[in-house]
Amino acid sequence: MKLILGLGKTGVSIARFLTKQQVAFRIADNRNAPPFLSQFKSQFNTENLFLGDWKPELLTNIDEVIISPGIAQNEAIVVLARANNIPVISDIELFSRHANAPIIGITGSNGKSSVTQLLGEMIANDGNRVAIGGNIGKPALECLSDKIDYYVLELSSYQLDYTQNLTLLTGVVLNITPDHLDRYPSFEHYVKSKLSLYQYCQHPVINADEPLTPTLDNAKYFGMDMPKQDSDFGTVTCHGSCYILKGDDALMDADELPLI
């Protein structure tokens, strides 16, 4: 049996998915009136719904915990599950197990929603069927479909914290600035969470202007300076105009790129 922790948007999406898969679950939230309670009651049997303080009994006969990203790792139920060697995973990891199309992951402290949406629309404009979701719009599990060519997911540090297995075609950490420090012991822990995305990438993409990102041999880089490799992207200013480059090749005048 699975245990879903958190009765919010993500928790309900997990419940829907497990129901379709005919997998038994119980669901719990330490709030007495979580925001999606009425929606859950209208769609599911409430026999295995538990509200209020976390009880150790919630873990009885549980083989895996699927957790909402808003629940911190120091919550008692999370600590207890791990102490009993019960895997605690994110909805993103569960999604990855069932996705049959390439997944692109985007994270960062700022701009990740905009980049996720723009990249998804660019892929669609190229004639592909694309699903955009994760930490933006639809929860990842509600994006699953056999009719999708690419998934473009915004990934938060909270989602990455509970992810140990994920297969990404490519991914990028756009930038890292101090954020969510009420959730992490230090800024270094937050940085580690963000950069964990790269361990899952077949083709990592790195912001060359972000000093906290790593140097990887198999990566493609982008930034505001001249590219260092033929596969990298950058810019150069010449004769009063700024040009976007791939390697030594000028792709376009930056003025031709509209910003909305």
C-alpha atoms as a PDB file:
ATOM      1  CA  MET A   1       0.000   0.000   0.000  1.00  0.00           C
ATOM      2  CA  LYS A   2       1.118   3.562  -0.742  1.00  0.00           C
ATOM      3  CA  LEU A   3       0.869   6.527   1.574  1.00  0.00           C
ATOM      4  CA  ILE A   4       0.190   9.938   0.033  1.00  0.00           C
ATOM      5  CA  LEU A   5       1.255  12.829   2.231  1.00  0.00           C
ATOM      6  CA  GLY A   6      -0.471  16.134   1.553  1.00  0.00           C
ATOM      7  CA  LEU A   7      -3.988  16.807   0.345  1.00  0.00           C
ATOM      8  CA  GLY A   8      -3.310  19.665  -2.029  1.00  0.00           C
ATOM      9  CA  LYS A   9      -3.160  19.849  -5.804  1.00  0.00           C
ATOM     10  CA  THR A  10      -0.279  17.387  -6.004  1.00  0.00           C
ATOM     11  CA  GLY A  11      -1.773  14.955  -3.495  1.00  0.00           C
ATOM     12  CA  VAL A  12      -5.077  14.765  -5.367  1.00  0.00           C
ATOM     13  CA  SER A  13      -3.221  14.168  -8.654  1.00  0.00           C
ATOM     14  CA  ILE A  14      -1.331  11.273  -7.034  1.00  0.00           C
ATOM     15  CA  ALA A  15      -4.597   9.830  -5.734  1.00  0.00           C
ATOM     16  CA  ARG A  16      -6.138  10.012  -9.213  1.00  0.00           C
ATOM     17  CA  PHE A  17      -3.129   8.314 -10.758  1.00  0.00           C
ATOM     18  CA  LEU A  18      -2.959   5.489  -8.225  1.00  0.00           C
ATOM     19  CA  THR A  19      -6.689   4.905  -8.583  1.00  0.00           C
ATOM     20  CA  LYS A  20      -6.293   4.506 -12.359  1.00  0.00           C
ATOM     21  CA  GLN A  21      -3.433   2.092 -11.727  1.00  0.00           C
ATOM     22  CA  GLN A  22      -5.599   0.193  -9.215  1.00  0.00           C
ATOM     23  CA  VAL A  23      -2.990   0.708  -6.498  1.00  0.00           C
ATOM     24  CA  ALA A  24      -4.267   0.843  -2.922  1.00  0.00           C
ATOM     25  CA  PHE A  25      -3.387   3.945  -0.916  1.00  0.00           C
ATOM     26  CA  ARG A  26      -4.139   5.944   2.166  1.00  0.00           C
ATOM     27  CA  ILE A  27      -3.802   9.720   2.176  1.00  0.00           C
ATOM     28  CA  ALA A  28      -3.000  12.014   5.079  1.00  0.00           C
ATOM     29  CA  ASP A  29      -2.650  15.717   5.799  1.00  0.00           C
ATOM     30  CA  ASN A  30      -1.689  17.308   9.099  1.00  0.00           C
ATOM     31  CA  ARG A  31      -4.231  20.082   8.493  1.00  0.00           C
ATOM     32  CA  ASN A  32      -7.836  19.495   9.509  1.00  0.00           C
ATOM     33  CA  ALA A  33      -9.178  21.392   6.500  1.00  0.00           C
ATOM     34  CA  PRO A  34      -6.682  21.142   3.601  1.00  0.00           C
ATOM     35  CA  PRO A  35      -7.566  23.180   0.494  1.00  0.00           C
ATOM     36  CA  PHE A  36      -8.592  20.245  -1.737  1.00  0.00           C
ATOM     37  CA  LEU A  37     -10.582  18.351   0.877  1.00  0.00           C
ATOM     38  CA  SER A  38     -14.008  18.872  -0.692  1.00  0.00           C
ATOM     39  CA  GLN A  39     -12.677  17.958  -4.130  1.00  0.00           C
ATOM     40  CA  PHE A  40     -11.162  14.765  -2.753  1.00  0.00           C
ATOM     41  CA  LYS A  41     -14.372  13.802  -0.951  1.00  0.00           C
ATOM     42  CA  SER A  42     -16.353  14.258  -4.158  1.00  0.00           C
ATOM     43  CA  GLN A  43     -14.100  11.857  -6.086  1.00  0.00           C
ATOM     44  CA  PHE A  44     -12.836   9.258  -3.612  1.00  0.00           C
ATOM     45  CA  ASN A  45     -13.857   7.036  -0.744  1.00  0.00           C
ATOM     46  CA  THR A  46     -12.770   8.709   2.495  1.00  0.00           C
ATOM     47  CA  GLU A  47     -12.203   5.459   4.400  1.00  0.00           C
ATOM     48  CA  ASN A  48      -8.420   5.847   4.027  1.00  0.00           C
ATOM     49  CA  LEU A  49      -8.309   9.624   4.534  1.00  0.00           C
ATOM     50  CA  PHE A  50      -6.585  10.834   7.707  1.00  0.00           C
ATOM     51  CA  LEU A  51      -6.458  14.461   8.857  1.00  0.00           C
ATOM     52  CA  GLY A  52      -4.723  16.142  11.765  1.00  0.00           C
ATOM     53  CA  ASP A  53      -1.459  15.337  13.507  1.00  0.00           C
ATOM     54  CA  TRP A  54       0.722  12.722  11.849  1.00  0.00           C
ATOM     55  CA  LYS A  55       0.302   9.336  13.558  1.00  0.00           C
ATOM     56  CA  PRO A  56       2.963   6.581  13.364  1.00  0.00           C
ATOM     57  CA  GLU A  57       0.160   4.140  12.478  1.00  0.00           C
ATOM     58  CA  LEU A  58      -0.086   5.825   9.086  1.00  0.00           C
ATOM     59  CA  LEU A  59       3.020   3.869   8.063  1.00  0.00           C
ATOM     60  CA  THR A  60       1.573   0.445   8.901  1.00  0.00           C
ATOM     61  CA  ASN A  61       1.834  -1.867   5.858  1.00  0.00           C
ATOM     62  CA  ILE A  62       3.146   1.010   3.712  1.00  0.00           C
ATOM     63  CA  ASP A  63       5.817   0.128   1.136  1.00  0.00           C
ATOM     64  CA  GLU A  64       6.280   3.634  -0.288  1.00  0.00           C
ATOM     65  CA  VAL A  65       5.448   7.210   0.648  1.00  0.00           C
ATOM     66  CA  ILE A  66       4.618   9.670  -2.137  1.00  0.00           C
ATOM     67  CA  ILE A  67       4.926  13.148  -0.747  1.00  0.00           C
ATOM     68  CA  SER A  68       3.722  16.610  -1.691  1.00  0.00           C
ATOM     69  CA  PRO A  69       6.608  19.053  -2.110  1.00  0.00           C
ATOM     70  CA  GLY A  70       5.273  21.470   0.495  1.00  0.00           C
ATOM     71  CA  ILE A  71       5.986  19.010   3.327  1.00  0.00           C
ATOM     72  CA  ALA A  72       9.431  19.566   4.841  1.00  0.00           C
ATOM     73  CA  GLN A  73      11.967  16.789   5.279  1.00  0.00           C
ATOM     74  CA  ASN A  74      12.130  17.363   9.036  1.00  0.00           C
ATOM     75  CA  GLU A  75       8.437  16.569   9.532  1.00  0.00           C
ATOM     76  CA  ALA A  76       8.103  13.717  12.023  1.00  0.00           C
ATOM     77  CA  ILE A  77       6.296  11.401   9.610  1.00  0.00           C
ATOM     78  CA  VAL A  78       9.047  11.806   6.998  1.00  0.00           C
ATOM     79  CA  VAL A  79      11.801  11.168   9.539  1.00  0.00           C
ATOM     80  CA  LEU A  80       9.956   8.094  10.823  1.00  0.00           C
ATOM     81  CA  ALA A  81       9.380   6.679   7.346  1.00  0.00           C
ATOM     82  CA  ARG A  82      13.064   6.983   6.484  1.00  0.00           C
ATOM     83  CA  ALA A  83      14.073   5.504   9.836  1.00  0.00           C
ATOM     84  CA  ASN A  84      11.971   2.468   8.902  1.00  0.00           C
ATOM     85  CA  ASN A  85      13.583   2.278   5.438  1.00  0.00           C
ATOM     86  CA  ILE A  86      10.341   3.184   3.684  1.00  0.00           C
ATOM     87  CA  PRO A  87      11.136   5.043   0.434  1.00  0.00           C
ATOM     88  CA  VAL A  88       9.858   8.624   0.312  1.00  0.00           C
ATOM     89  CA  ILE A  89       9.481   9.849  -3.264  1.00  0.00           C
ATOM     90  CA  SER A  90       8.057  12.806  -5.167  1.00  0.00           C
ATOM     91  CA  ASP A  91       5.261  12.789  -7.709  1.00  0.00           C
ATOM     92  CA  ILE A  92       7.997  13.641 -10.231  1.00  0.00           C
ATOM     93  CA  GLU A  93       9.802  10.366  -9.594  1.00  0.00           C
ATOM     94  CA  LEU A  94       6.522   8.465  -9.909  1.00  0.00           C
ATOM     95  CA  PHE A  95       5.800  10.341 -13.143  1.00  0.00           C
ATOM     96  CA  SER A  96       9.228   9.440 -14.541  1.00  0.00           C
ATOM     97  CA  ARG A  97       8.546   5.735 -14.043  1.00  0.00           C
ATOM     98  CA  HIS A  98       5.571   5.915 -16.383  1.00  0.00           C
ATOM     99  CA  ALA A  99       6.543   8.586 -18.942  1.00  0.00           C
ATOM    100  CA  ASN A 100       7.219   7.153 -22.399  1.00  0.00           C
ATOM    101  CA  ALA A 101       8.426  10.378 -24.040  1.00  0.00           C
ATOM    102  CA  PRO A 102      11.548  12.490 -23.409  1.00  0.00           C
ATOM    103  CA  ILE A 103      11.397  14.746 -20.349  1.00  0.00           C
ATOM    104  CA  ILE A 104      12.975  18.189 -20.126  1.00  0.00           C
ATOM    105  CA  GLY A 105      13.488  19.600 -16.647  1.00  0.00           C
ATOM    106  CA  ILE A 106      13.860  23.285 -15.782  1.00  0.00           C
ATOM    107  CA  THR A 107      14.679  24.737 -12.391  1.00  0.00           C
ATOM    108  CA  GLY A 108      16.228  27.894 -10.975  1.00  0.00           C
ATOM    109  CA  SER A 109      15.464  30.576  -8.435  1.00  0.00           C
ATOM    110  CA  ASN A 110      13.970  32.961 -10.996  1.00  0.00           C
ATOM    111  CA  GLY A 111      12.442  32.690 -14.453  1.00  0.00           C
ATOM    112  CA  LYS A 112      11.747  28.965 -14.496  1.00  0.00           C
ATOM    113  CA  SER A 113       8.006  29.301 -15.160  1.00  0.00           C
ATOM    114  CA  SER A 114       8.573  31.640 -18.098  1.00  0.00           C
ATOM    115  CA  VAL A 115      11.293  29.459 -19.611  1.00  0.00           C
ATOM    116  CA  THR A 116       9.223  26.297 -19.139  1.00  0.00           C
ATOM    117  CA  GLN A 117       6.240  27.846 -20.894  1.00  0.00           C
ATOM    118  CA  LEU A 118       8.309  29.380 -23.715  1.00  0.00           C
ATOM    119  CA  LEU A 119      10.254  26.193 -24.365  1.00  0.00           C
ATOM    120  CA  GLY A 120       7.071  24.144 -24.415  1.00  0.00           C
ATOM    121  CA  GLU A 121       5.499  26.509 -26.919  1.00  0.00           C
ATOM    122  CA  MET A 122       8.633  26.441 -29.091  1.00  0.00           C
ATOM    123  CA  ILE A 123       8.545  22.638 -29.175  1.00  0.00           C
ATOM    124  CA  ALA A 124       4.839  22.704 -30.041  1.00  0.00           C
ATOM    125  CA  ASN A 125       5.442  25.285 -32.760  1.00  0.00           C
ATOM    126  CA  ASP A 126       7.904  22.843 -34.313  1.00  0.00           C
ATOM    127  CA  GLY A 127       5.053  20.395 -34.834  1.00  0.00           C
ATOM    128  CA  ASN A 128       5.425  18.255 -31.711  1.00  0.00           C
ATOM    129  CA  ARG A 129       2.854  17.262 -29.141  1.00  0.00           C
ATOM    130  CA  VAL A 130       4.036  18.666 -25.839  1.00  0.00           C
ATOM    131  CA  ALA A 131       2.802  18.655 -22.257  1.00  0.00           C
ATOM    132  CA  ILE A 132       3.847  21.475 -19.922  1.00  0.00           C
ATOM    133  CA  GLY A 133       3.523  20.954 -16.188  1.00  0.00           C
ATOM    134  CA  GLY A 134       5.191  20.036 -12.919  1.00  0.00           C
ATOM    135  CA  ASN A 135       5.486  23.056 -10.654  1.00  0.00           C
ATOM    136  CA  ILE A 136       3.581  25.109 -13.230  1.00  0.00           C
ATOM    137  CA  GLY A 137       0.012  24.505 -14.372  1.00  0.00           C
ATOM    138  CA  LYS A 138      -0.846  20.796 -14.338  1.00  0.00           C
ATOM    139  CA  PRO A 139       0.754  18.413 -11.860  1.00  0.00           C
ATOM    140  CA  ALA A 140       3.146  16.116 -13.705  1.00  0.00           C
ATOM    141  CA  LEU A 141       1.047  12.964 -13.274  1.00  0.00           C
ATOM    142  CA  GLU A 142      -1.913  14.630 -14.976  1.00  0.00           C
ATOM    143  CA  CYS A 143       0.267  15.301 -18.027  1.00  0.00           C
ATOM    144  CA  LEU A 144       0.913  11.599 -18.694  1.00  0.00           C
ATOM    145  CA  SER A 145      -0.313  10.489 -22.110  1.00  0.00           C
ATOM    146  CA  ASP A 146       0.722   8.081 -24.842  1.00  0.00           C
ATOM    147  CA  LYS A 147       0.068  10.885 -27.334  1.00  0.00           C
ATOM    148  CA  ILE A 148       2.843  13.185 -26.082  1.00  0.00           C
ATOM    149  CA  ASP A 149       6.172  13.670 -27.875  1.00  0.00           C
ATOM    150  CA  TYR A 150       7.882  15.756 -25.176  1.00  0.00           C
ATOM    151  CA  TYR A 151       7.280  16.689 -21.554  1.00  0.00           C
ATOM    152  CA  VAL A 152       8.564  20.051 -20.314  1.00  0.00           C
ATOM    153  CA  LEU A 153       8.492  20.233 -16.527  1.00  0.00           C
ATOM    154  CA  GLU A 154       9.216  23.041 -14.130  1.00  0.00           C
ATOM    155  CA  LEU A 155      10.896  21.467 -11.113  1.00  0.00           C
ATOM    156  CA  SER A 156      11.130  23.114  -7.711  1.00  0.00           C
ATOM    157  CA  SER A 157      13.893  22.422  -5.222  1.00  0.00           C
ATOM    158  CA  TYR A 158      11.257  20.840  -2.985  1.00  0.00           C
ATOM    159  CA  GLN A 159      10.340  18.343  -5.699  1.00  0.00           C
ATOM    160  CA  LEU A 160      14.000  17.581  -6.360  1.00  0.00           C
ATOM    161  CA  ASP A 161      14.586  16.968  -2.636  1.00  0.00           C
ATOM    162  CA  TYR A 162      12.265  13.958  -2.760  1.00  0.00           C
ATOM    163  CA  THR A 163      13.503  12.629  -6.101  1.00  0.00           C
ATOM    164  CA  GLN A 164      16.178   9.930  -6.262  1.00  0.00           C
ATOM    165  CA  ASN A 165      15.486   8.533  -9.733  1.00  0.00           C
ATOM    166  CA  LEU A 166      14.583  10.616 -12.760  1.00  0.00           C
ATOM    167  CA  THR A 167      15.376  10.333 -16.452  1.00  0.00           C
ATOM    168  CA  LEU A 168      15.771  13.655 -18.261  1.00  0.00           C
ATOM    169  CA  LEU A 169      16.677  14.137 -21.900  1.00  0.00           C
ATOM    170  CA  THR A 170      18.014  17.542 -20.922  1.00  0.00           C
ATOM    171  CA  GLY A 171      17.708  20.036 -18.116  1.00  0.00           C
ATOM    172  CA  VAL A 172      18.924  23.396 -16.914  1.00  0.00           C
ATOM    173  CA  VAL A 173      19.442  25.267 -13.667  1.00  0.00           C
ATOM    174  CA  LEU A 174      18.782  28.816 -14.853  1.00  0.00           C
ATOM    175  CA  ASN A 175      20.235  30.622 -11.830  1.00  0.00           C
ATOM    176  CA  ILE A 176      20.627  30.311  -8.073  1.00  0.00           C
ATOM    177  CA  THR A 177      19.976  33.092  -5.579  1.00  0.00           C
ATOM    178  CA  PRO A 178      19.127  32.831  -1.845  1.00  0.00           C
ATOM    179  CA  ASP A 179      15.541  31.572  -1.521  1.00  0.00           C
ATOM    180  CA  HIS A 180      13.459  29.282   0.693  1.00  0.00           C
ATOM    181  CA  LEU A 181      16.073  29.550   3.427  1.00  0.00           C
ATOM    182  CA  ASP A 182      13.368  28.882   6.007  1.00  0.00           C
ATOM    183  CA  ARG A 183      13.236  25.361   4.554  1.00  0.00           C
ATOM    184  CA  TYR A 184      16.976  24.655   4.298  1.00  0.00           C
ATOM    185  CA  PRO A 185      19.670  24.604   7.005  1.00  0.00           C
ATOM    186  CA  SER A 186      21.882  26.819   4.830  1.00  0.00           C
ATOM    187  CA  PHE A 187      22.185  28.394   1.402  1.00  0.00           C
ATOM    188  CA  GLU A 188      24.640  25.617   0.503  1.00  0.00           C
ATOM    189  CA  HIS A 189      21.925  23.015   1.076  1.00  0.00           C
ATOM    190  CA  TYR A 190      19.586  24.951  -1.220  1.00  0.00           C
ATOM    191  CA  VAL A 191      22.286  25.122  -3.917  1.00  0.00           C
ATOM    192  CA  LYS A 192      22.864  21.369  -3.640  1.00  0.00           C
ATOM    193  CA  SER A 193      19.136  20.767  -4.055  1.00  0.00           C
ATOM    194  CA  LYS A 194      18.965  22.827  -7.244  1.00  0.00           C
ATOM    195  CA  LEU A 195      22.111  21.330  -8.761  1.00  0.00           C
ATOM    196  CA  SER A 196      20.882  17.780  -8.121  1.00  0.00           C
ATOM    197  CA  LEU A 197      18.914  18.142 -11.361  1.00  0.00           C
ATOM    198  CA  TYR A 198      22.087  17.648 -13.390  1.00  0.00           C
ATOM    199  CA  GLN A 199      22.687  14.097 -12.198  1.00  0.00           C
ATOM    200  CA  TYR A 200      19.562  13.048 -14.096  1.00  0.00           C
ATOM    201  CA  CYS A 201      20.356  14.795 -17.414  1.00  0.00           C
ATOM    202  CA  GLN A 202      21.509  13.016 -20.535  1.00  0.00           C
ATOM    203  CA  HIS A 203      22.375  16.389 -22.106  1.00  0.00           C
ATOM    204  CA  PRO A 204      22.865  19.064 -19.406  1.00  0.00           C
ATOM    205  CA  VAL A 205      22.534  22.747 -20.295  1.00  0.00           C
ATOM    206  CA  ILE A 206      24.444  25.219 -18.125  1.00  0.00           C
ATOM    207  CA  ASN A 207      24.266  28.971 -17.634  1.00  0.00           C
ATOM    208  CA  ALA A 208      27.903  30.032 -18.047  1.00  0.00           C
ATOM    209  CA  ASP A 209      27.163  33.289 -16.196  1.00  0.00           C
ATOM    210  CA  GLU A 210      25.993  31.518 -13.028  1.00  0.00           C
ATOM    211  CA  PRO A 211      29.080  30.969 -10.837  1.00  0.00           C
ATOM    212  CA  LEU A 212      27.402  28.305  -8.708  1.00  0.00           C
ATOM    213  CA  THR A 213      26.748  25.886 -11.576  1.00  0.00           C
ATOM    214  CA  PRO A 214      29.241  23.081 -12.250  1.00  0.00           C
ATOM    215  CA  THR A 215      31.533  22.487 -15.209  1.00  0.00           C
ATOM    216  CA  LEU A 216      30.515  19.313 -17.022  1.00  0.00           C
ATOM    217  CA  ASP A 217      32.290  17.772 -19.999  1.00  0.00           C
ATOM    218  CA  ASN A 218      29.107  16.738 -21.796  1.00  0.00           C
ATOM    219  CA  ALA A 219      27.226  20.021 -21.267  1.00  0.00           C
ATOM    220  CA  LYS A 220      26.101  22.757 -23.606  1.00  0.00           C
ATOM    221  CA  TYR A 221      26.590  26.290 -22.266  1.00  0.00           C
ATOM    222  CA  PHE A 222      24.824  29.595 -22.796  1.00  0.00           C
ATOM    223  CA  GLY A 223      25.642  33.074 -21.579  1.00  0.00           C
ATOM    224  CA  MET A 224      26.230  36.685 -22.483  1.00  0.00           C
ATOM    225  CA  ASP A 225      29.862  36.278 -23.553  1.00  0.00           C
ATOM    226  CA  MET A 226      31.372  34.740 -26.682  1.00  0.00           C
ATOM    227  CA  PRO A 227      30.826  30.964 -26.833  1.00  0.00           C
ATOM    228  CA  LYS A 228      33.865  28.841 -26.007  1.00  0.00           C
ATOM    229  CA  GLN A 229      32.732  25.784 -27.977  1.00  0.00           C
ATOM    230  CA  ASP A 230      30.929  25.261 -31.284  1.00  0.00           C
ATOM    231  CA  SER A 231      27.931  23.813 -29.450  1.00  0.00           C
ATOM    232  CA  ASP A 232      27.611  26.728 -26.996  1.00  0.00           C
ATOM    233  CA  PHE A 233      25.434  29.830 -27.258  1.00  0.00           C
ATOM    234  CA  GLY A 234      26.423  33.397 -26.451  1.00  0.00           C
ATOM    235  CA  THR A 235      26.425  36.954 -27.728  1.00  0.00           C
ATOM    236  CA  VAL A 236      28.766  39.482 -29.289  1.00  0.00           C
ATOM    237  CA  THR A 237      28.374  43.216 -29.860  1.00  0.00           C
ATOM    238  CA  CYS A 238      29.597  44.409 -33.253  1.00  0.00           C
ATOM    239  CA  HIS A 239      28.994  47.686 -35.138  1.00  0.00           C
ATOM    240  CA  GLY A 240      26.497  48.788 -32.521  1.00  0.00           C
ATOM    241  CA  SER A 241      24.362  45.637 -32.654  1.00  0.00           C
ATOM    242  CA  CYS A 242      24.224  42.598 -30.356  1.00  0.00           C
ATOM    243  CA  TYR A 243      24.183  39.224 -32.095  1.00  0.00           C
ATOM    244  CA  ILE A 244      23.183  35.816 -30.735  1.00  0.00           C
ATOM    245  CA  LEU A 245      25.803  33.201 -31.577  1.00  0.00           C
ATOM    246  CA  LYS A 246      26.136  29.452 -31.723  1.00  0.00           C
ATOM    247  CA  GLY A 247      29.849  28.885 -31.652  1.00  0.00           C
ATOM    248  CA  ASP A 248      31.281  31.313 -34.200  1.00  0.00           C
ATOM    249  CA  ASP A 249      28.058  31.486 -36.206  1.00  0.00           C
ATOM    250  CA  ALA A 250      25.765  34.496 -35.860  1.00  0.00           C
ATOM    251  CA  LEU A 251      22.169  33.262 -35.621  1.00  0.00           C
ATOM    252  CA  MET A 252      20.332  36.565 -35.435  1.00  0.00           C
ATOM    253  CA  ASP A 253      20.424  40.150 -34.299  1.00  0.00           C
ATOM    254  CA  ALA A 254      19.163  40.295 -30.722  1.00  0.00           C
ATOM    255  CA  ASP A 255      16.781  43.071 -31.794  1.00  0.00           C
ATOM    256  CA  GLU A 256      14.947  40.472 -33.902  1.00  0.00           C
ATOM    257  CA  LEU A 257      14.086  38.509 -30.772  1.00  0.00           C
ATOM    258  CA  PRO A 258      10.885  39.984 -29.303  1.00  0.00           C
ATOM    259  CA  LEU A 259      10.421  40.018 -25.559  1.00  0.00           C
ATOM    260  CA  ILE A 260       6.853  39.820 -24.311  1.00  0.00           C
END
